[in-house]
Amino acid sequence: GYALSILKFRGQGAVYNFILFQMFYPSIILLVPTFLIIRYLG
């Protein structure tokens, strides 16, 4: 939050918009991919 509100860097708006966009997705959609990543990492 400090980086996105106080610091200035290239692509700051795109990162913030991406975070807002991700908030609209129900977490259940990412359940299987997250599980596969966890299993792949041991």
ModelCIF file with pLDDT and N, C-alpha, C, O atoms, coordinates in Angstrom:
data_MODEL
#
_entry.id   MODEL 
#
_entity.id                         1 
_entity.type                       polymer 
_entity.pdbx_number_of_molecules   1 
#
_entity_poly.entity_id                      1 
_entity_poly.type                           'polypeptide(L)' 
_entity_poly.nstd_linkage                   no 
_entity_poly.nstd_monomer                   no 
_entity_poly.pdbx_seq_one_letter_code       GYALSILKFRGQGAVYNFILFQMFYPSIILLVPTFLIIRYLG 
_entity_poly.pdbx_seq_one_letter_code_can   GYALSILKFRGQGAVYNFILFQMFYPSIILLVPTFLIIRYLG 
_entity_poly.pdbx_strand_id                 A 
#
loop_
_entity_poly_seq.entity_id 
_entity_poly_seq.num 
_entity_poly_seq.mon_id 
_entity_poly_seq.hetero 
1 1  GLY n 
1 2  TYR n 
1 3  ALA n 
1 4  LEU n 
1 5  SER n 
1 6  ILE n 
1 7  LEU n 
1 8  LYS n 
1 9  PHE n 
1 10 ARG n 
1 11 GLY n 
1 12 GLN n 
1 13 GLY n 
1 14 ALA n 
1 15 VAL n 
1 16 TYR n 
1 17 ASN n 
1 18 PHE n 
1 19 ILE n 
1 20 LEU n 
1 21 PHE n 
1 22 GLN n 
1 23 MET n 
1 24 PHE n 
1 25 TYR n 
1 26 PRO n 
1 27 SER n 
1 28 ILE n 
1 29 ILE n 
1 30 LEU n 
1 31 LEU n 
1 32 VAL n 
1 33 PRO n 
1 34 THR n 
1 35 PHE n 
1 36 LEU n 
1 37 ILE n 
1 38 ILE n 
1 39 ARG n 
1 40 TYR n 
1 41 LEU n 
1 42 GLY n 
#
_struct_asym.id          A 
_struct_asym.entity_id   1 
#
loop_
_ma_qa_metric.id 
_ma_qa_metric.mode 
_ma_qa_metric.name 
_ma_qa_metric.software_group_id 
_ma_qa_metric.type 
1 global pLDDT . pLDDT 
2 local  pLDDT . pLDDT 
#
_ma_qa_metric_global.metric_id      1 
_ma_qa_metric_global.metric_value   88.88 
_ma_qa_metric_global.model_id       1 
_ma_qa_metric_global.ordinal_id     1 
#
loop_
_ma_qa_metric_local.label_asym_id 
_ma_qa_metric_local.label_comp_id 
_ma_qa_metric_local.label_seq_id 
_ma_qa_metric_local.metric_id 
_ma_qa_metric_local.metric_value 
_ma_qa_metric_local.model_id 
_ma_qa_metric_local.ordinal_id 
A GLY 1  2 93.00 1 1  
A TYR 2  2 94.00 1 2  
A ALA 3  2 93.00 1 3  
A LEU 4  2 93.00 1 4  
A SER 5  2 91.00 1 5  
A ILE 6  2 91.00 1 6  
A LEU 7  2 89.00 1 7  
A LYS 8  2 88.00 1 8  
A PHE 9  2 88.00 1 9  
A ARG 10 2 89.00 1 10 
A GLY 11 2 88.00 1 11 
A GLN 12 2 89.00 1 12 
A GLY 13 2 88.00 1 13 
A ALA 14 2 91.00 1 14 
A VAL 15 2 90.00 1 15 
A TYR 16 2 90.00 1 16 
A ASN 17 2 89.00 1 17 
A PHE 18 2 88.00 1 18 
A ILE 19 2 87.00 1 19 
A LEU 20 2 85.00 1 20 
A PHE 21 2 85.00 1 21 
A GLN 22 2 82.00 1 22 
A MET 23 2 81.00 1 23 
A PHE 24 2 81.00 1 24 
A TYR 25 2 79.00 1 25 
A PRO 26 2 80.00 1 26 
A SER 27 2 79.00 1 27 
A ILE 28 2 82.00 1 28 
A ILE 29 2 86.00 1 29 
A LEU 30 2 86.00 1 30 
A LEU 31 2 89.00 1 31 
A VAL 32 2 91.00 1 32 
A PRO 33 2 92.00 1 33 
A THR 34 2 93.00 1 34 
A PHE 35 2 94.00 1 35 
A LEU 36 2 95.00 1 36 
A ILE 37 2 95.00 1 37 
A ILE 38 2 94.00 1 38 
A ARG 39 2 94.00 1 39 
A TYR 40 2 94.00 1 40 
A LEU 41 2 94.00 1 41 
A GLY 42 2 93.00 1 42 
#
loop_
_atom_site.group_PDB 
_atom_site.id 
_atom_site.type_symbol 
_atom_site.label_atom_id 
_atom_site.label_alt_id 
_atom_site.label_comp_id 
_atom_site.label_asym_id 
_atom_site.label_entity_id 
_atom_site.label_seq_id 
_atom_site.pdbx_PDB_ins_code 
_atom_site.Cartn_x 
_atom_site.Cartn_y 
_atom_site.Cartn_z 
_atom_site.occupancy 
_atom_site.B_iso_or_equiv 
_atom_site.pdbx_formal_charge 
_atom_site.auth_seq_id 
_atom_site.auth_comp_id 
_atom_site.auth_asym_id 
_atom_site.auth_atom_id 
_atom_site.pdbx_PDB_model_num 
ATOM 1   N N  . GLY A 1 1  ? 0.814   -1.210  0.000   1.00 93.00 ? 1  GLY A N  1 
ATOM 2   C CA . GLY A 1 1  ? 0.000   0.000   0.000   1.00 93.00 ? 1  GLY A CA 1 
ATOM 3   C C  . GLY A 1 1  ? 0.846   1.258   0.000   1.00 93.00 ? 1  GLY A C  1 
ATOM 4   O O  . GLY A 1 1  ? 0.502   2.246   -0.649  1.00 93.00 ? 1  GLY A O  1 
ATOM 5   N N  . TYR A 1 2  ? 1.963   1.222   0.734   1.00 94.00 ? 2  TYR A N  1 
ATOM 6   C CA . TYR A 1 2  ? 2.872   2.380   0.747   1.00 94.00 ? 2  TYR A CA 1 
ATOM 7   C C  . TYR A 1 2  ? 3.488   2.586   -0.628  1.00 94.00 ? 2  TYR A C  1 
ATOM 8   O O  . TYR A 1 2  ? 3.583   3.718   -1.101  1.00 94.00 ? 2  TYR A O  1 
ATOM 9   N N  . ALA A 1 3  ? 3.906   1.502   -1.273  1.00 93.00 ? 3  ALA A N  1 
ATOM 10  C CA . ALA A 1 3  ? 4.518   1.620   -2.600  1.00 93.00 ? 3  ALA A CA 1 
ATOM 11  C C  . ALA A 1 3  ? 3.528   2.160   -3.622  1.00 93.00 ? 3  ALA A C  1 
ATOM 12  O O  . ALA A 1 3  ? 3.898   2.968   -4.474  1.00 93.00 ? 3  ALA A O  1 
ATOM 13  N N  . LEU A 1 4  ? 2.275   1.723   -3.546  1.00 93.00 ? 4  LEU A N  1 
ATOM 14  C CA . LEU A 1 4  ? 1.285   2.129   -4.535  1.00 93.00 ? 4  LEU A CA 1 
ATOM 15  C C  . LEU A 1 4  ? 0.714   3.516   -4.267  1.00 93.00 ? 4  LEU A C  1 
ATOM 16  O O  . LEU A 1 4  ? 0.156   4.131   -5.176  1.00 93.00 ? 4  LEU A O  1 
ATOM 17  N N  . SER A 1 5  ? 0.837   4.017   -3.057  1.00 91.00 ? 5  SER A N  1 
ATOM 18  C CA . SER A 1 5  ? 0.243   5.311   -2.737  1.00 91.00 ? 5  SER A CA 1 
ATOM 19  C C  . SER A 1 5  ? 1.267   6.434   -2.586  1.00 91.00 ? 5  SER A C  1 
ATOM 20  O O  . SER A 1 5  ? 0.951   7.597   -2.837  1.00 91.00 ? 5  SER A O  1 
ATOM 21  N N  . ILE A 1 6  ? 2.483   6.098   -2.182  1.00 91.00 ? 6  ILE A N  1 
ATOM 22  C CA . ILE A 1 6  ? 3.483   7.131   -1.888  1.00 91.00 ? 6  ILE A CA 1 
ATOM 23  C C  . ILE A 1 6  ? 4.601   7.146   -2.921  1.00 91.00 ? 6  ILE A C  1 
ATOM 24  O O  . ILE A 1 6  ? 4.945   8.202   -3.451  1.00 91.00 ? 6  ILE A O  1 
ATOM 25  N N  . LEU A 1 7  ? 5.161   5.993   -3.204  1.00 89.00 ? 7  LEU A N  1 
ATOM 26  C CA . LEU A 1 7  ? 6.273   5.926   -4.151  1.00 89.00 ? 7  LEU A CA 1 
ATOM 27  C C  . LEU A 1 7  ? 5.771   6.110   -5.576  1.00 89.00 ? 7  LEU A C  1 
ATOM 28  O O  . LEU A 1 7  ? 4.607   5.845   -5.878  1.00 89.00 ? 7  LEU A O  1 
ATOM 29  N N  . LYS A 1 8  ? 6.650   6.558   -6.429  1.00 88.00 ? 8  LYS A N  1 
ATOM 30  C CA . LYS A 1 8  ? 6.321   6.757   -7.839  1.00 88.00 ? 8  LYS A CA 1 
ATOM 31  C C  . LYS A 1 8  ? 7.221   5.864   -8.692  1.00 88.00 ? 8  LYS A C  1 
ATOM 32  O O  . LYS A 1 8  ? 8.446   5.962   -8.619  1.00 88.00 ? 8  LYS A O  1 
ATOM 33  N N  . PHE A 1 9  ? 6.619   5.002   -9.491  1.00 88.00 ? 9  PHE A N  1 
ATOM 34  C CA . PHE A 1 9  ? 7.394   4.128   -10.365 1.00 88.00 ? 9  PHE A CA 1 
ATOM 35  C C  . PHE A 1 9  ? 6.577   3.838   -11.614 1.00 88.00 ? 9  PHE A C  1 
ATOM 36  O O  . PHE A 1 9  ? 5.358   4.007   -11.622 1.00 88.00 ? 9  PHE A O  1 
ATOM 37  N N  . ARG A 1 10 ? 7.246   3.406   -12.654 1.00 89.00 ? 10 ARG A N  1 
ATOM 38  C CA . ARG A 1 10 ? 6.596   3.139   -13.926 1.00 89.00 ? 10 ARG A CA 1 
ATOM 39  C C  . ARG A 1 10 ? 5.668   1.927   -13.793 1.00 89.00 ? 10 ARG A C  1 
ATOM 40  O O  . ARG A 1 10 ? 6.047   0.903   -13.225 1.00 89.00 ? 10 ARG A O  1 
ATOM 41  N N  . GLY A 1 11 ? 4.476   2.054   -14.311 1.00 88.00 ? 11 GLY A N  1 
ATOM 42  C CA . GLY A 1 11 ? 3.496   0.973   -14.247 1.00 88.00 ? 11 GLY A CA 1 
ATOM 43  C C  . GLY A 1 11 ? 2.728   0.915   -12.950 1.00 88.00 ? 11 GLY A C  1 
ATOM 44  O O  . GLY A 1 11 ? 2.041   -0.070  -12.675 1.00 88.00 ? 11 GLY A O  1 
ATOM 45  N N  . GLN A 1 12 ? 2.836   1.970   -12.141 1.00 89.00 ? 12 GLN A N  1 
ATOM 46  C CA . GLN A 1 12 ? 2.157   1.968   -10.854 1.00 89.00 ? 12 GLN A CA 1 
ATOM 47  C C  . GLN A 1 12 ? 0.640   1.841   -11.014 1.00 89.00 ? 12 GLN A C  1 
ATOM 48  O O  . GLN A 1 12 ? 0.005   1.055   -10.311 1.00 89.00 ? 12 GLN A O  1 
ATOM 49  N N  . GLY A 1 13 ? 0.068   2.601   -11.923 1.00 88.00 ? 13 GLY A N  1 
ATOM 50  C CA . GLY A 1 13 ? -1.367  2.543   -12.153 1.00 88.00 ? 13 GLY A CA 1 
ATOM 51  C C  . GLY A 1 13 ? -1.809  1.182   -12.657 1.00 88.00 ? 13 GLY A C  1 
ATOM 52  O O  . GLY A 1 13 ? -2.867  0.683   -12.271 1.00 88.00 ? 13 GLY A O  1 
ATOM 53  N N  . ALA A 1 14 ? -0.982  0.567   -13.539 1.00 91.00 ? 14 ALA A N  1 
ATOM 54  C CA . ALA A 1 14 ? -1.340  -0.746  -14.073 1.00 91.00 ? 14 ALA A CA 1 
ATOM 55  C C  . ALA A 1 14 ? -1.348  -1.804  -12.971 1.00 91.00 ? 14 ALA A C  1 
ATOM 56  O O  . ALA A 1 14 ? -2.220  -2.673  -12.940 1.00 91.00 ? 14 ALA A O  1 
ATOM 57  N N  . VAL A 1 15 ? -0.372  -1.723  -12.069 1.00 90.00 ? 15 VAL A N  1 
ATOM 58  C CA . VAL A 1 15 ? -0.320  -2.679  -10.952 1.00 90.00 ? 15 VAL A CA 1 
ATOM 59  C C  . VAL A 1 15 ? -1.545  -2.525  -10.065 1.00 90.00 ? 15 VAL A C  1 
ATOM 60  O O  . VAL A 1 15 ? -2.159  -3.514  -9.664  1.00 90.00 ? 15 VAL A O  1 
ATOM 61  N N  . TYR A 1 16 ? -1.897  -1.283  -9.759  1.00 90.00 ? 16 TYR A N  1 
ATOM 62  C CA . TYR A 1 16 ? -3.054  -1.040  -8.892  1.00 90.00 ? 16 TYR A CA 1 
ATOM 63  C C  . TYR A 1 16 ? -4.348  -1.521  -9.561  1.00 90.00 ? 16 TYR A C  1 
ATOM 64  O O  . TYR A 1 16 ? -5.195  -2.135  -8.913  1.00 90.00 ? 16 TYR A O  1 
ATOM 65  N N  . ASN A 1 17 ? -4.491  -1.242  -10.843 1.00 89.00 ? 17 ASN A N  1 
ATOM 66  C CA . ASN A 1 17 ? -5.683  -1.695  -11.569 1.00 89.00 ? 17 ASN A CA 1 
ATOM 67  C C  . ASN A 1 17 ? -5.746  -3.222  -11.654 1.00 89.00 ? 17 ASN A C  1 
ATOM 68  O O  . ASN A 1 17 ? -6.827  -3.810  -11.605 1.00 89.00 ? 17 ASN A O  1 
ATOM 69  N N  . PHE A 1 18 ? -4.585  -3.853  -11.782 1.00 88.00 ? 18 PHE A N  1 
ATOM 70  C CA . PHE A 1 18 ? -4.551  -5.313  -11.811 1.00 88.00 ? 18 PHE A CA 1 
ATOM 71  C C  . PHE A 1 18 ? -5.018  -5.894  -10.477 1.00 88.00 ? 18 PHE A C  1 
ATOM 72  O O  . PHE A 1 18 ? -5.728  -6.899  -10.444 1.00 88.00 ? 18 PHE A O  1 
ATOM 73  N N  . ILE A 1 19 ? -4.613  -5.252  -9.379  1.00 87.00 ? 19 ILE A N  1 
ATOM 74  C CA . ILE A 1 19 ? -5.056  -5.702  -8.053  1.00 87.00 ? 19 ILE A CA 1 
ATOM 75  C C  . ILE A 1 19 ? -6.567  -5.561  -7.927  1.00 87.00 ? 19 ILE A C  1 
ATOM 76  O O  . ILE A 1 19 ? -7.240  -6.469  -7.439  1.00 87.00 ? 19 ILE A O  1 
ATOM 77  N N  . LEU A 1 20 ? -7.095  -4.433  -8.362  1.00 85.00 ? 20 LEU A N  1 
ATOM 78  C CA . LEU A 1 20 ? -8.546  -4.245  -8.311  1.00 85.00 ? 20 LEU A CA 1 
ATOM 79  C C  . LEU A 1 20 ? -9.261  -5.273  -9.184  1.00 85.00 ? 20 LEU A C  1 
ATOM 80  O O  . LEU A 1 20 ? -10.311 -5.794  -8.810  1.00 85.00 ? 20 LEU A O  1 
ATOM 81  N N  . PHE A 1 21 ? -8.682  -5.558  -10.351 1.00 85.00 ? 21 PHE A N  1 
ATOM 82  C CA . PHE A 1 21 ? -9.288  -6.533  -11.260 1.00 85.00 ? 21 PHE A CA 1 
ATOM 83  C C  . PHE A 1 21 ? -9.317  -7.924  -10.628 1.00 85.00 ? 21 PHE A C  1 
ATOM 84  O O  . PHE A 1 21 ? -10.300 -8.654  -10.756 1.00 85.00 ? 21 PHE A O  1 
ATOM 85  N N  . GLN A 1 22 ? -8.231  -8.280  -9.947  1.00 82.00 ? 22 GLN A N  1 
ATOM 86  C CA . GLN A 1 22 ? -8.161  -9.601  -9.318  1.00 82.00 ? 22 GLN A CA 1 
ATOM 87  C C  . GLN A 1 22 ? -9.166  -9.761  -8.192  1.00 82.00 ? 22 GLN A C  1 
ATOM 88  O O  . GLN A 1 22 ? -9.585  -10.879 -7.892  1.00 82.00 ? 22 GLN A O  1 
ATOM 89  N N  . MET A 1 23 ? -9.561  -8.660  -7.563  1.00 81.00 ? 23 MET A N  1 
ATOM 90  C CA . MET A 1 23 ? -10.505 -8.738  -6.449  1.00 81.00 ? 23 MET A CA 1 
ATOM 91  C C  . MET A 1 23 ? -11.885 -9.190  -6.899  1.00 81.00 ? 23 MET A C  1 
ATOM 92  O O  . MET A 1 23 ? -12.683 -9.636  -6.076  1.00 81.00 ? 23 MET A O  1 
ATOM 93  N N  . PHE A 1 24 ? -12.179 -9.084  -8.180  1.00 81.00 ? 24 PHE A N  1 
ATOM 94  C CA . PHE A 1 24 ? -13.480 -9.498  -8.685  1.00 81.00 ? 24 PHE A CA 1 
ATOM 95  C C  . PHE A 1 24 ? -13.564 -11.008 -8.919  1.00 81.00 ? 24 PHE A C  1 
ATOM 96  O O  . PHE A 1 24 ? -14.656 -11.546 -9.099  1.00 81.00 ? 24 PHE A O  1 
ATOM 97  N N  . TYR A 1 25 ? -12.429 -11.683 -8.917  1.00 79.00 ? 25 TYR A N  1 
ATOM 98  C CA . TYR A 1 25 ? -12.414 -13.117 -9.159  1.00 79.00 ? 25 TYR A CA 1 
ATOM 99  C C  . TYR A 1 25 ? -12.700 -13.861 -7.861  1.00 79.00 ? 25 TYR A C  1 
ATOM 100 O O  . TYR A 1 25 ? -12.079 -13.566 -6.839  1.00 79.00 ? 25 TYR A O  1 
ATOM 101 N N  . PRO A 1 26 ? -13.624 -14.818 -7.877  1.00 80.00 ? 26 PRO A N  1 
ATOM 102 C CA . PRO A 1 26 ? -13.810 -15.663 -6.682  1.00 80.00 ? 26 PRO A CA 1 
ATOM 103 C C  . PRO A 1 26 ? -12.594 -16.558 -6.484  1.00 80.00 ? 26 PRO A C  1 
ATOM 104 O O  . PRO A 1 26 ? -12.042 -17.094 -7.445  1.00 80.00 ? 26 PRO A O  1 
ATOM 105 N N  . SER A 1 27 ? -12.189 -16.713 -5.247  1.00 79.00 ? 27 SER A N  1 
ATOM 106 C CA . SER A 1 27 ? -10.958 -17.448 -4.950  1.00 79.00 ? 27 SER A CA 1 
ATOM 107 C C  . SER A 1 27 ? -11.044 -18.917 -5.350  1.00 79.00 ? 27 SER A C  1 
ATOM 108 O O  . SER A 1 27 ? -10.016 -19.556 -5.571  1.00 79.00 ? 27 SER A O  1 
ATOM 109 N N  . ILE A 1 28 ? -12.262 -19.461 -5.446  1.00 82.00 ? 28 ILE A N  1 
ATOM 110 C CA . ILE A 1 28 ? -12.418 -20.878 -5.782  1.00 82.00 ? 28 ILE A CA 1 
ATOM 111 C C  . ILE A 1 28 ? -11.875 -21.189 -7.171  1.00 82.00 ? 28 ILE A C  1 
ATOM 112 O O  . ILE A 1 28 ? -11.509 -22.331 -7.453  1.00 82.00 ? 28 ILE A O  1 
ATOM 113 N N  . ILE A 1 29 ? -11.819 -20.170 -8.053  1.00 86.00 ? 29 ILE A N  1 
ATOM 114 C CA . ILE A 1 29 ? -11.317 -20.386 -9.411  1.00 86.00 ? 29 ILE A CA 1 
ATOM 115 C C  . ILE A 1 29 ? -9.848  -20.787 -9.391  1.00 86.00 ? 29 ILE A C  1 
ATOM 116 O O  . ILE A 1 29 ? -9.409  -21.581 -10.223 1.00 86.00 ? 29 ILE A O  1 
ATOM 117 N N  . LEU A 1 30 ? -9.090  -20.245 -8.451  1.00 86.00 ? 30 LEU A N  1 
ATOM 118 C CA . LEU A 1 30 ? -7.649  -20.492 -8.387  1.00 86.00 ? 30 LEU A CA 1 
ATOM 119 C C  . LEU A 1 30 ? -7.296  -21.642 -7.455  1.00 86.00 ? 30 LEU A C  1 
ATOM 120 O O  . LEU A 1 30 ? -6.118  -21.856 -7.170  1.00 86.00 ? 30 LEU A O  1 
ATOM 121 N N  . LEU A 1 31 ? -8.290  -22.389 -6.971  1.00 89.00 ? 31 LEU A N  1 
ATOM 122 C CA . LEU A 1 31 ? -8.031  -23.444 -5.997  1.00 89.00 ? 31 LEU A CA 1 
ATOM 123 C C  . LEU A 1 31 ? -7.147  -24.543 -6.582  1.00 89.00 ? 31 LEU A C  1 
ATOM 124 O O  . LEU A 1 31 ? -6.141  -24.919 -5.980  1.00 89.00 ? 31 LEU A O  1 
ATOM 125 N N  . VAL A 1 32 ? -7.520  -25.059 -7.753  1.00 91.00 ? 32 VAL A N  1 
ATOM 126 C CA . VAL A 1 32 ? -6.753  -26.151 -8.349  1.00 91.00 ? 32 VAL A CA 1 
ATOM 127 C C  . VAL A 1 32 ? -5.360  -25.703 -8.788  1.00 91.00 ? 32 VAL A C  1 
ATOM 128 O O  . VAL A 1 32 ? -4.392  -26.399 -8.481  1.00 91.00 ? 32 VAL A O  1 
ATOM 129 N N  . PRO A 1 33 ? -5.204  -24.565 -9.498  1.00 92.00 ? 33 PRO A N  1 
ATOM 130 C CA . PRO A 1 33 ? -3.837  -24.136 -9.844  1.00 92.00 ? 33 PRO A CA 1 
ATOM 131 C C  . PRO A 1 33 ? -2.952  -23.909 -8.621  1.00 92.00 ? 33 PRO A C  1 
ATOM 132 O O  . PRO A 1 33 ? -1.771  -24.255 -8.634  1.00 92.00 ? 33 PRO A O  1 
ATOM 133 N N  . THR A 1 34 ? -3.516  -23.334 -7.575  1.00 93.00 ? 34 THR A N  1 
ATOM 134 C CA . THR A 1 34 ? -2.725  -23.110 -6.365  1.00 93.00 ? 34 THR A CA 1 
ATOM 135 C C  . THR A 1 34 ? -2.298  -24.431 -5.742  1.00 93.00 ? 34 THR A C  1 
ATOM 136 O O  . THR A 1 34 ? -1.164  -24.569 -5.282  1.00 93.00 ? 34 THR A O  1 
ATOM 137 N N  . PHE A 1 35 ? -3.206  -25.399 -5.729  1.00 94.00 ? 35 PHE A N  1 
ATOM 138 C CA . PHE A 1 35 ? -2.858  -26.706 -5.176  1.00 94.00 ? 35 PHE A CA 1 
ATOM 139 C C  . PHE A 1 35 ? -1.737  -27.373 -5.986  1.00 94.00 ? 35 PHE A C  1 
ATOM 140 O O  . PHE A 1 35 ? -0.819  -27.961 -5.414  1.00 94.00 ? 35 PHE A O  1 
ATOM 141 N N  . LEU A 1 36 ? -1.818  -27.278 -7.303  1.00 95.00 ? 36 LEU A N  1 
ATOM 142 C CA . LEU A 1 36 ? -0.784  -27.886 -8.144  1.00 95.00 ? 36 LEU A CA 1 
ATOM 143 C C  . LEU A 1 36 ? 0.573   -27.223 -7.915  1.00 95.00 ? 36 LEU A C  1 
ATOM 144 O O  . LEU A 1 36 ? 1.603   -27.897 -7.914  1.00 95.00 ? 36 LEU A O  1 
ATOM 145 N N  . ILE A 1 37 ? 0.574   -25.910 -7.723  1.00 95.00 ? 37 ILE A N  1 
ATOM 146 C CA . ILE A 1 37 ? 1.837   -25.210 -7.447  1.00 95.00 ? 37 ILE A CA 1 
ATOM 147 C C  . ILE A 1 37 ? 2.408   -25.659 -6.106  1.00 95.00 ? 37 ILE A C  1 
ATOM 148 O O  . ILE A 1 37 ? 3.609   -25.902 -5.987  1.00 95.00 ? 37 ILE A O  1 
ATOM 149 N N  . ILE A 1 38 ? 1.550   -25.768 -5.102  1.00 94.00 ? 38 ILE A N  1 
ATOM 150 C CA . ILE A 1 38 ? 1.999   -26.205 -3.776  1.00 94.00 ? 38 ILE A CA 1 
ATOM 151 C C  . ILE A 1 38 ? 2.600   -27.605 -3.853  1.00 94.00 ? 38 ILE A C  1 
ATOM 152 O O  . ILE A 1 38 ? 3.635   -27.874 -3.244  1.00 94.00 ? 38 ILE A O  1 
ATOM 153 N N  . ARG A 1 39 ? 1.952   -28.493 -4.599  1.00 94.00 ? 39 ARG A N  1 
ATOM 154 C CA . ARG A 1 39 ? 2.469   -29.865 -4.730  1.00 94.00 ? 39 ARG A CA 1 
ATOM 155 C C  . ARG A 1 39 ? 3.775   -29.885 -5.524  1.00 94.00 ? 39 ARG A C  1 
ATOM 156 O O  . ARG A 1 39 ? 4.685   -30.650 -5.204  1.00 94.00 ? 39 ARG A O  1 
ATOM 157 N N  . TYR A 1 40 ? 3.869   -29.048 -6.556  1.00 94.00 ? 40 TYR A N  1 
ATOM 158 C CA . TYR A 1 40 ? 5.097   -28.986 -7.359  1.00 94.00 ? 40 TYR A CA 1 
ATOM 159 C C  . TYR A 1 40 ? 6.278   -28.488 -6.525  1.00 94.00 ? 40 TYR A C  1 
ATOM 160 O O  . TYR A 1 40 ? 7.406   -28.941 -6.717  1.00 94.00 ? 40 TYR A O  1 
ATOM 161 N N  . LEU A 1 41 ? 6.025   -27.562 -5.605  1.00 94.00 ? 41 LEU A N  1 
ATOM 162 C CA . LEU A 1 41 ? 7.089   -27.016 -4.760  1.00 94.00 ? 41 LEU A CA 1 
ATOM 163 C C  . LEU A 1 41 ? 7.432   -27.928 -3.586  1.00 94.00 ? 41 LEU A C  1 
ATOM 164 O O  . LEU A 1 41 ? 8.351   -27.630 -2.823  1.00 94.00 ? 41 LEU A O  1 
ATOM 165 N N  . GLY A 1 42 ? 6.717   -29.021 -3.435  1.00 93.00 ? 42 GLY A N  1 
ATOM 166 C CA . GLY A 1 42 ? 7.007   -29.949 -2.357  1.00 93.00 ? 42 GLY A CA 1 
ATOM 167 C C  . GLY A 1 42 ? 6.503   -29.503 -0.999  1.00 93.00 ? 42 GLY A C  1 
ATOM 168 O O  . GLY A 1 42 ? 6.691   -30.210 -0.009  1.00 93.00 ? 42 GLY A O  1 
#
